[in-house]
């Protein structure tokens, strides 16, 4: 009888160790994904700033062209 209990305890410990190892891997993967997401958000913000700047340039140049052609 005691053998069955010991085997169950060992199996539980093995399962717990496996879960802990998976958690560590998942935590590492999660940190990597978060870092990549932050980098993508930064690239998007820079692209939006570039677009906004280009739109201002177009408006200014269009206004100058209209003034020049009158």
PDB file of N, CA and C in Angstrom:
ATOM      1  N   UNK A   1       0.805  -1.204   0.000  1.00  0.00           N
ATOM      2  CA  UNK A   1       0.000   0.000   0.000  1.00  0.00           C
ATOM      3  C   UNK A   1       0.843   1.261   0.000  1.00  0.00           C
ATOM      4  N   UNK A   2       1.854   1.267   0.810  1.00  0.00           N
ATOM      5  CA  UNK A   2       2.711   2.448   0.862  1.00  0.00           C
ATOM      6  C   UNK A   2       3.395   2.700  -0.470  1.00  0.00           C
ATOM      7  N   UNK A   3       3.684   1.629  -1.192  1.00  0.00           N
ATOM      8  CA  UNK A   3       4.309   1.781  -2.504  1.00  0.00           C
ATOM      9  C   UNK A   3       3.436   2.601  -3.441  1.00  0.00           C
ATOM     10  N   UNK A   4       2.162   2.365  -3.443  1.00  0.00           N
ATOM     11  CA  UNK A   4       1.236   3.103  -4.292  1.00  0.00           C
ATOM     12  C   UNK A   4       1.229   4.578  -3.947  1.00  0.00           C
ATOM     13  N   UNK A   5       1.268   4.875  -2.673  1.00  0.00           N
ATOM     14  CA  UNK A   5       1.267   6.274  -2.227  1.00  0.00           C
ATOM     15  C   UNK A   5       2.563   6.961  -2.643  1.00  0.00           C
ATOM     16  N   UNK A   6       3.680   6.274  -2.461  1.00  0.00           N
ATOM     17  CA  UNK A   6       4.969   6.849  -2.848  1.00  0.00           C
ATOM     18  C   UNK A   6       5.040   7.086  -4.352  1.00  0.00           C
ATOM     19  N   UNK A   7       4.525   6.152  -5.119  1.00  0.00           N
ATOM     20  CA  UNK A   7       4.531   6.306  -6.578  1.00  0.00           C
ATOM     21  C   UNK A   7       3.677   7.499  -6.995  1.00  0.00           C
ATOM     22  N   UNK A   8       2.530   7.664  -6.353  1.00  0.00           N
ATOM     23  CA  UNK A   8       1.663   8.811  -6.645  1.00  0.00           C
ATOM     24  C   UNK A   8       2.353  10.122  -6.289  1.00  0.00           C
ATOM     25  N   UNK A   9       3.044  10.155  -5.148  1.00  0.00           N
ATOM     26  CA  UNK A   9       3.760  11.372  -4.755  1.00  0.00           C
ATOM     27  C   UNK A   9       4.864  11.703  -5.748  1.00  0.00           C
ATOM     28  N   UNK A  10       5.598  10.670  -6.184  1.00  0.00           N
ATOM     29  CA  UNK A  10       6.663  10.887  -7.156  1.00  0.00           C
ATOM     30  C   UNK A  10       6.103  11.358  -8.490  1.00  0.00           C
ATOM     31  N   UNK A  11       4.986  10.808  -8.904  1.00  0.00           N
ATOM     32  CA  UNK A  11       4.347  11.215 -10.156  1.00  0.00           C
ATOM     33  C   UNK A  11       3.885  12.664 -10.050  1.00  0.00           C
ATOM     34  N   UNK A  12       3.327  13.052  -8.897  1.00  0.00           N
ATOM     35  CA  UNK A  12       2.897  14.439  -8.682  1.00  0.00           C
ATOM     36  C   UNK A  12       4.082  15.386  -8.737  1.00  0.00           C
ATOM     37  N   UNK A  13       5.195  14.988  -8.125  1.00  0.00           N
ATOM     38  CA  UNK A  13       6.402  15.833  -8.151  1.00  0.00           C
ATOM     39  C   UNK A  13       6.931  15.985  -9.573  1.00  0.00           C
ATOM     40  N   UNK A  14       6.903  14.881 -10.319  1.00  0.00           N
ATOM     41  CA  UNK A  14       7.367  14.917 -11.701  1.00  0.00           C
ATOM     42  C   UNK A  14       6.485  15.851 -12.525  1.00  0.00           C
ATOM     43  N   UNK A  15       5.178  15.771 -12.328  1.00  0.00           N
ATOM     44  CA  UNK A  15       4.233  16.629 -13.048  1.00  0.00           C
ATOM     45  C   UNK A  15       4.461  18.090 -12.675  1.00  0.00           C
ATOM     46  N   UNK A  16       4.682  18.339 -11.391  1.00  0.00           N
ATOM     47  CA  UNK A  16       4.926  19.704 -10.923  1.00  0.00           C
ATOM     48  C   UNK A  16       6.218  20.253 -11.526  1.00  0.00           C
ATOM     49  N   UNK A  17       7.256  19.425 -11.579  1.00  0.00           N
ATOM     50  CA  UNK A  17       8.531  19.860 -12.169  1.00  0.00           C
ATOM     51  C   UNK A  17       8.361  20.154 -13.653  1.00  0.00           C
ATOM     52  N   UNK A  18       7.596  19.333 -14.343  1.00  0.00           N
ATOM     53  CA  UNK A  18       7.349  19.542 -15.776  1.00  0.00           C
ATOM     54  C   UNK A  18       6.589  20.841 -15.990  1.00  0.00           C
ATOM     55  N   UNK A  19       5.580  21.077 -15.161  1.00  0.00           N
ATOM     56  CA  UNK A  19       4.814  22.327 -15.282  1.00  0.00           C
ATOM     57  C   UNK A  19       5.696  23.534 -15.028  1.00  0.00           C
ATOM     58  N   UNK A  20       6.574  23.448 -14.025  1.00  0.00           N
ATOM     59  CA  UNK A  20       7.478  24.563 -13.711  1.00  0.00           C
ATOM     60  C   UNK A  20       8.412  24.832 -14.883  1.00  0.00           C
ATOM     61  N   UNK A  21       8.920  23.765 -15.502  1.00  0.00           N
ATOM     62  CA  UNK A  21       9.818  23.937 -16.653  1.00  0.00           C
ATOM     63  C   UNK A  21       9.069  24.583 -17.810  1.00  0.00           C
ATOM     64  N   UNK A  22       7.821  24.138 -18.050  1.00  0.00           N
ATOM     65  CA  UNK A  22       7.022  24.739 -19.121  1.00  0.00           C
ATOM     66  C   UNK A  22       6.718  26.196 -18.819  1.00  0.00           C
ATOM     67  N   UNK A  23       6.460  26.492 -17.552  1.00  0.00           N
ATOM     68  CA  UNK A  23       6.166  27.876 -17.168  1.00  0.00           C
ATOM     69  C   UNK A  23       7.367  28.772 -17.442  1.00  0.00           C
ATOM     70  N   UNK A  24       8.559  28.271 -17.155  1.00  0.00           N
ATOM     71  CA  UNK A  24       9.768  29.059 -17.397  1.00  0.00           C
ATOM     72  C   UNK A  24       9.940  29.310 -18.890  1.00  0.00           C
ATOM     73  N   UNK A  25       9.697  28.280 -19.700  1.00  0.00           N
ATOM     74  CA  UNK A  25       9.805  28.442 -21.150  1.00  0.00           C
ATOM     75  C   UNK A  25       8.740  29.406 -21.644  1.00  0.00           C
ATOM     76  N   UNK A  26       7.516  29.226 -21.168  1.00  0.00           N
ATOM     77  CA  UNK A  26       6.429  30.110 -21.583  1.00  0.00           C
ATOM     78  C   UNK A  26       6.692  31.544 -21.156  1.00  0.00           C
ATOM     79  N   UNK A  27       7.255  31.739 -19.975  1.00  0.00           N
ATOM     80  CA  UNK A  27       7.567  33.088 -19.511  1.00  0.00           C
ATOM     81  C   UNK A  27       8.626  33.722 -20.409  1.00  0.00           C
ATOM     82  N   UNK A  28       9.620  32.945 -20.807  1.00  0.00           N
ATOM     83  CA  UNK A  28      10.646  33.450 -21.711  1.00  0.00           C
ATOM     84  C   UNK A  28      10.082  33.800 -23.069  1.00  0.00           C
ATOM     85  N   UNK A  29       9.226  32.930 -23.581  1.00  0.00           N
ATOM     86  CA  UNK A  29       8.597  33.193 -24.880  1.00  0.00           C
ATOM     87  C   UNK A  29       7.697  34.419 -24.789  1.00  0.00           C
ATOM     88  N   UNK A  30       6.975  34.541 -23.683  1.00  0.00           N
ATOM     89  CA  UNK A  30       6.087  35.678 -23.487  1.00  0.00           C
ATOM     90  C   UNK A  30       6.877  36.982 -23.444  1.00  0.00           C
ATOM     91  N   UNK A  31       8.013  36.970 -22.753  1.00  0.00           N
ATOM     92  CA  UNK A  31       8.850  38.162 -22.685  1.00  0.00           C
ATOM     93  C   UNK A  31       9.360  38.535 -24.079  1.00  0.00           C
ATOM     94  N   UNK A  32       9.741  37.543 -24.868  1.00  0.00           N
ATOM     95  CA  UNK A  32      10.210  37.800 -26.233  1.00  0.00           C
ATOM     96  C   UNK A  32       9.118  38.377 -27.107  1.00  0.00           C
ATOM     97  N   UNK A  33       7.925  37.832 -26.978  1.00  0.00           N
ATOM     98  CA  UNK A  33       6.800  38.327 -27.779  1.00  0.00           C
ATOM     99  C   UNK A  33       6.451  39.756 -27.376  1.00  0.00           C
ATOM    100  N   UNK A  34       6.475  40.034 -26.078  1.00  0.00           N
ATOM    101  CA  UNK A  34       6.186  41.396 -25.607  1.00  0.00           C
ATOM    102  C   UNK A  34       7.209  42.387 -26.157  1.00  0.00           C
ATOM    103  N   UNK A  35       8.487  41.976 -26.162  1.00  0.00           N
ATOM    104  CA  UNK A  35       9.553  42.836 -26.676  1.00  0.00           C
ATOM    105  C   UNK A  35       9.347  43.108 -28.172  1.00  0.00           C
ATOM    106  N   UNK A  36       9.007  42.061 -28.929  1.00  0.00           N
ATOM    107  CA  UNK A  36       8.762  42.225 -30.362  1.00  0.00           C
ATOM    108  C   UNK A  36       7.556  43.122 -30.621  1.00  0.00           C
ATOM    109  N   UNK A  37       6.522  42.982 -29.804  1.00  0.00           N
ATOM    110  CA  UNK A  37       5.339  43.824 -29.947  1.00  0.00           C
ATOM    111  C   UNK A  37       5.675  45.285 -29.690  1.00  0.00           C
ATOM    112  N   UNK A  38       6.462  45.539 -28.665  1.00  0.00           N
ATOM    113  CA  UNK A  38       6.875  46.906 -28.365  1.00  0.00           C
ATOM    114  C   UNK A  38       7.680  47.496 -29.514  1.00  0.00           C
ATOM    115  N   UNK A  39       8.575  46.703 -30.100  1.00  0.00           N
ATOM    116  CA  UNK A  39       9.365  47.163 -31.234  1.00  0.00           C
ATOM    117  C   UNK A  39       8.466  47.470 -32.433  1.00  0.00           C
ATOM    118  N   UNK A  40       7.474  46.625 -32.673  1.00  0.00           N
ATOM    119  CA  UNK A  40       6.552  46.856 -33.788  1.00  0.00           C
ATOM    120  C   UNK A  40       5.740  48.127 -33.556  1.00  0.00           C
ATOM    121  N   UNK A  41       5.327  48.353 -32.312  1.00  0.00           N
ATOM    122  CA  UNK A  41       4.583  49.576 -31.995  1.00  0.00           C
ATOM    123  C   UNK A  41       5.448  50.812 -32.213  1.00  0.00           C
ATOM    124  N   UNK A  42       6.728  50.717 -31.884  1.00  0.00           N
ATOM    125  CA  UNK A  42       7.649  51.841 -32.097  1.00  0.00           C
ATOM    126  C   UNK A  42       7.810  52.118 -33.595  1.00  0.00           C
ATOM    127  N   UNK A  43       7.963  51.066 -34.396  1.00  0.00           N
ATOM    128  CA  UNK A  43       8.079  51.245 -35.846  1.00  0.00           C
ATOM    129  C   UNK A  43       6.816  51.879 -36.411  1.00  0.00           C
ATOM    130  N   UNK A  44       5.661  51.447 -35.921  1.00  0.00           N
ATOM    131  CA  UNK A  44       4.394  52.002 -36.382  1.00  0.00           C
ATOM    132  C   UNK A  44       4.284  53.478 -36.020  1.00  0.00           C
ATOM    133  N   UNK A  45       4.682  53.835 -34.809  1.00  0.00           N
ATOM    134  CA  UNK A  45       4.637  55.242 -34.390  1.00  0.00           C
ATOM    135  C   UNK A  45       5.552  56.095 -35.262  1.00  0.00           C
ATOM    136  N   UNK A  46       6.738  55.584 -35.576  1.00  0.00           N
ATOM    137  CA  UNK A  46       7.664  56.320 -36.443  1.00  0.00           C
ATOM    138  C   UNK A  46       7.084  56.473 -37.847  1.00  0.00           C
ATOM    139  N   UNK A  47       6.466  55.421 -38.356  1.00  0.00           N
ATOM    140  CA  UNK A  47       5.865  55.486 -39.690  1.00  0.00           C
ATOM    141  C   UNK A  47       4.729  56.497 -39.719  1.00  0.00           C
ATOM    142  N   UNK A  48       3.925  56.518 -38.663  1.00  0.00           N
ATOM    143  CA  UNK A  48       2.828  57.493 -38.599  1.00  0.00           C
ATOM    144  C   UNK A  48       3.367  58.915 -38.543  1.00  0.00           C
ATOM    145  N   UNK A  49       4.451  59.127 -37.813  1.00  0.00           N
ATOM    146  CA  UNK A  49       5.058  60.453 -37.750  1.00  0.00           C
ATOM    147  C   UNK A  49       5.580  60.863 -39.116  1.00  0.00           C
ATOM    148  N   UNK A  50       6.172  59.932 -39.837  1.00  0.00           N
ATOM    149  CA  UNK A  50       6.668  60.218 -41.181  1.00  0.00           C
ATOM    150  C   UNK A  50       5.517  60.581 -42.108  1.00  0.00           C
ATOM    151  N   UNK A  51       4.428  59.852 -42.000  1.00  0.00           N
ATOM    152  CA  UNK A  51       3.251  60.137 -42.835  1.00  0.00           C
ATOM    153  C   UNK A  51       2.695  61.522 -42.514  1.00  0.00           C
ATOM    154  N   UNK A  52       2.609  61.836 -41.236  1.00  0.00           N
ATOM    155  CA  UNK A  52       2.078  63.144 -40.835  1.00  0.00           C
ATOM    156  C   UNK A  52       2.961  64.255 -41.382  1.00  0.00           C
ATOM    157  N   UNK A  53       4.267  64.056 -41.312  1.00  0.00           N
ATOM    158  CA  UNK A  53       5.190  65.051 -41.852  1.00  0.00           C
ATOM    159  C   UNK A  53       5.036  65.214 -43.355  1.00  0.00           C
ATOM    160  N   UNK A  54       4.860  64.106 -44.047  1.00  0.00           N
ATOM    161  CA  UNK A  54       4.685  64.156 -45.505  1.00  0.00           C
ATOM    162  C   UNK A  54       3.382  64.858 -45.867  1.00  0.00           C
ATOM    163  N   UNK A  55       2.326  64.612 -45.088  1.00  0.00           N
ATOM    164  CA  UNK A  55       1.051  65.272 -45.361  1.00  0.00           C
ATOM    165  C   UNK A  55       1.170  66.782 -45.184  1.00  0.00           C
ATOM    166  N   UNK A  56       1.894  67.215 -44.175  1.00  0.00           N
ATOM    167  CA  UNK A  56       2.117  68.653 -43.963  1.00  0.00           C
ATOM    168  C   UNK A  56       2.897  69.227 -45.136  1.00  0.00           C
ATOM    169  N   UNK A  57       3.938  68.515 -45.565  1.00  0.00           N
ATOM    170  CA  UNK A  57       4.728  68.974 -46.710  1.00  0.00           C
ATOM    171  C   UNK A  57       3.860  69.135 -47.954  1.00  0.00           C
ATOM    172  N   UNK A  58       2.985  68.171 -48.201  1.00  0.00           N
ATOM    173  CA  UNK A  58       2.113  68.235 -49.367  1.00  0.00           C
ATOM    174  C   UNK A  58       1.195  69.450 -49.277  1.00  0.00           C
ATOM    175  N   UNK A  59       0.632  69.698 -48.120  1.00  0.00           N
ATOM    176  CA  UNK A  59      -0.271  70.840 -47.951  1.00  0.00           C
ATOM    177  C   UNK A  59       0.464  72.165 -48.165  1.00  0.00           C
ATOM    178  N   UNK A  60       1.659  72.266 -47.610  1.00  0.00           N
ATOM    179  CA  UNK A  60       2.444  73.498 -47.768  1.00  0.00           C
ATOM    180  C   UNK A  60       2.821  73.702 -49.229  1.00  0.00           C
ATOM    181  N   UNK A  61       3.303  72.635 -49.872  1.00  0.00           N
ATOM    182  CA  UNK A  61       3.713  72.758 -51.273  1.00  0.00           C
ATOM    183  C   UNK A  61       2.520  73.039 -52.186  1.00  0.00           C
ATOM    184  N   UNK A  62       1.364  72.461 -51.877  1.00  0.00           N
ATOM    185  CA  UNK A  62       0.162  72.728 -52.660  1.00  0.00           C
ATOM    186  C   UNK A  62      -0.239  74.193 -52.516  1.00  0.00           C
ATOM    187  N   UNK A  63      -0.173  74.715 -51.298  1.00  0.00           N
ATOM    188  CA  UNK A  63      -0.491  76.114 -51.081  1.00  0.00           C
ATOM    189  C   UNK A  63       0.485  77.020 -51.822  1.00  0.00           C
ATOM    190  N   UNK A  64       1.769  76.680 -51.793  1.00  0.00           N
ATOM    191  CA  UNK A  64       2.774  77.481 -52.525  1.00  0.00           C
ATOM    192  C   UNK A  64       2.530  77.421 -54.021  1.00  0.00           C
ATOM    193  N   UNK A  65       2.164  76.254 -54.537  1.00  0.00           N
ATOM    194  CA  UNK A  65       1.907  76.107 -55.961  1.00  0.00           C
ATOM    195  C   UNK A  65       0.695  76.941 -56.372  1.00  0.00           C
ATOM    196  N   UNK A  66      -0.344  76.902 -55.566  1.00  0.00           N
ATOM    197  CA  UNK A  66      -1.545  77.704 -55.875  1.00  0.00           C
ATOM    198  C   UNK A  66      -1.207  79.205 -55.864  1.00  0.00           C
ATOM    199  N   UNK A  67      -0.416  79.606 -54.899  1.00  0.00           N
ATOM    200  CA  UNK A  67      -0.029  81.013 -54.814  1.00  0.00           C
ATOM    201  C   UNK A  67       0.809  81.403 -56.032  1.00  0.00           C
ATOM    202  N   UNK A  68       1.712  80.566 -56.438  1.00  0.00           N
ATOM    203  CA  UNK A  68       2.616  80.835 -57.544  1.00  0.00           C
ATOM    204  C   UNK A  68       1.867  80.884 -58.873  1.00  0.00           C
ATOM    205  N   UNK A  69       0.875  80.031 -59.048  1.00  0.00           N
ATOM    206  CA  UNK A  69       0.159  79.959 -60.325  1.00  0.00           C
ATOM    207  C   UNK A  69      -0.894  81.039 -60.483  1.00  0.00           C
ATOM    208  N   UNK A  70      -1.211  81.795 -59.448  1.00  0.00           N
ATOM    209  CA  UNK A  70      -2.228  82.855 -59.559  1.00  0.00           C
ATOM    210  C   UNK A  70      -1.674  84.075 -60.246  1.00  0.00           C
TER     211      UNK A  70
END
